[in-house]
C-alpha cells in the first residue's frame, strides 16, 4: 500500500501492521501534536460511534489516509457508509438465523 510520507498512518502507526481501533485510543492519549490528536479523535468517533464495531476490529486504511485532508474527510459520504455497514450486519444476523446479534455505536439507535 502506498503511504503518504507525512500521513497519520506513516507517522503514528508505522510500527503497526494492522491498525485496530484500540491502537487509535492508545496513540491519541499519547499524541503530542494537537492536529494529529484531532485527526485521531475524528477517526475514533467514526469507528467507535458512527460506524460502530468491536474494539479489536481493524481500522480501514482508506480512512487513515483520508483524514490527512480534512476537507475531503468532511465531504466523504459517511451516512451511506454507516447505512451500508448497519444493513450488512443486520442481514448477516438474519441469514445466520442467530437468536441474537450485536450492533455497536450509533446504528443501534434506530
Protein backbone atom coordinates (compact mmCIF):
# COMPACT_ATOMS: atom_id res chain seq x y z
CA UNK A 1 0.00 0.00 0.00
CA UNK A 2 1.23 3.46 -0.86
CA UNK A 3 1.70 5.66 2.20
CA UNK A 4 1.73 9.42 2.05
CA UNK A 5 5.08 10.41 3.55
CA UNK A 6 3.66 12.75 6.17
CA UNK A 7 0.41 10.88 6.82
CA UNK A 8 -1.09 9.93 10.18
CA UNK A 9 -0.64 6.28 9.21
CA UNK A 10 3.02 6.70 8.38
CA UNK A 11 3.90 8.91 11.37
CA UNK A 12 1.90 7.37 14.20
CA UNK A 13 1.34 3.75 13.15
CA UNK A 14 4.49 2.93 11.19
CA UNK A 15 5.29 0.11 13.62
CA UNK A 16 1.78 -1.41 13.43
CA UNK A 17 0.99 -3.80 10.57
CA UNK A 18 -2.79 -3.76 11.05
CA UNK A 19 -4.17 -0.75 12.90
CA UNK A 20 -7.01 -1.73 15.23
CA UNK A 21 -9.47 0.55 16.99
CA UNK A 22 -7.68 0.06 20.31
CA UNK A 23 -4.48 1.42 18.72
CA UNK A 24 -6.28 4.67 17.87
CA UNK A 25 -7.07 5.38 21.51
CA UNK A 26 -3.55 4.47 22.68
CA UNK A 27 -1.95 6.84 20.18
CA UNK A 28 -4.46 9.63 20.76
CA UNK A 29 -3.81 9.64 24.51
CA UNK A 30 -0.06 9.91 23.97
CA UNK A 31 -0.27 12.29 20.99
CA UNK A 32 1.82 15.46 21.32
CA UNK A 33 0.67 17.27 18.18
CA UNK A 34 -2.78 18.90 18.51
CA UNK A 35 -3.63 18.49 14.83
CA UNK A 36 -2.81 14.78 14.93
CA UNK A 37 -4.88 14.41 18.12
CA UNK A 38 -7.89 15.99 16.39
CA UNK A 39 -7.47 13.72 13.36
CA UNK A 40 -7.24 10.66 15.59
CA UNK A 41 -10.30 11.83 17.53
CA UNK A 42 -12.24 12.07 14.26
CA UNK A 43 -11.33 8.51 13.35
CA UNK A 44 -12.12 7.30 16.88
CA UNK A 45 -15.56 8.94 16.71
CA UNK A 46 -16.08 7.49 13.25
CA UNK A 47 -15.02 3.94 14.14
CA UNK A 48 -16.46 3.62 17.65
CA UNK A 49 -19.65 5.62 17.39
CA UNK A 50 -20.74 6.37 13.85
CA UNK A 51 -19.74 3.12 12.16
CA UNK A 52 -19.77 1.00 15.31
CA UNK A 53 -17.85 -2.25 15.60
CA UNK A 54 -15.99 -4.32 18.16
CA UNK A 55 -12.88 -2.93 19.85
CA UNK A 56 -10.36 -5.22 18.16
CA UNK A 57 -11.62 -4.51 14.66
CA UNK A 58 -9.13 -3.33 12.06
CA UNK A 59 -9.38 0.30 11.00
CA UNK A 60 -9.99 0.87 7.32
CA UNK A 61 -6.66 2.07 5.87
CA UNK A 62 -8.52 4.37 3.50
CA UNK A 63 -9.91 6.32 6.48
CA UNK A 64 -6.40 6.74 7.91
CA UNK A 65 -5.26 8.29 4.64
CA UNK A 66 -8.45 10.30 4.08
CA UNK A 67 -8.14 12.10 7.45
CA UNK A 68 -4.92 13.75 6.23
CA UNK A 69 -7.13 16.03 4.13
CA UNK A 70 -9.83 17.30 6.50
CA UNK A 71 -11.80 18.96 3.71
CA UNK A 72 -12.11 15.65 1.83
CA UNK A 73 -12.72 13.75 5.08
CA UNK A 74 -15.65 16.05 5.89
CA UNK A 75 -17.12 15.68 2.37
CA UNK A 76 -16.98 11.87 2.45
CA UNK A 77 -20.43 10.17 2.38
CA UNK A 78 -20.23 8.79 5.93
CA UNK A 79 -24.02 8.38 6.19
CA UNK A 80 -24.01 5.99 3.25
CA UNK A 81 -21.05 4.07 4.70
CA UNK A 82 -22.82 3.77 8.08
CA UNK A 83 -26.10 2.70 6.47
CA UNK A 84 -24.42 0.01 4.37
CA UNK A 85 -22.48 -1.34 7.34
CA UNK A 86 -25.60 -1.49 9.55
CA UNK A 87 -27.74 -3.20 6.90
CA UNK A 88 -24.98 -5.72 6.16
CA UNK A 89 -24.72 -6.61 9.86
CA UNK A 90 -28.49 -6.92 10.19
CA UNK A 91 -28.68 -9.10 7.07
CA UNK A 92 -25.86 -11.29 8.38
CA UNK A 93 -27.75 -11.72 11.65
CA UNK A 94 -30.93 -12.71 9.81
CA UNK A 95 -29.14 -15.07 7.41
CA UNK A 96 -27.37 -16.87 10.24
CA UNK A 97 -30.71 -17.39 11.99
CA UNK A 98 -28.92 -16.43 15.15
CA UNK A 99 -31.13 -15.70 18.15
CA UNK A 100 -29.11 -12.52 18.72
CA UNK A 101 -26.72 -10.12 17.03
CA UNK A 102 -24.71 -7.09 18.08
CA UNK A 103 -24.84 -3.57 16.73
CA UNK A 104 -22.29 -1.15 18.14
CA UNK A 105 -22.20 2.63 18.17
CA UNK A 106 -24.78 4.90 16.61
CA UNK A 107 -26.52 2.40 14.25
CA UNK A 108 -28.20 0.61 17.16
CA UNK A 109 -30.27 3.74 17.81
CA UNK A 110 -32.78 3.01 15.06
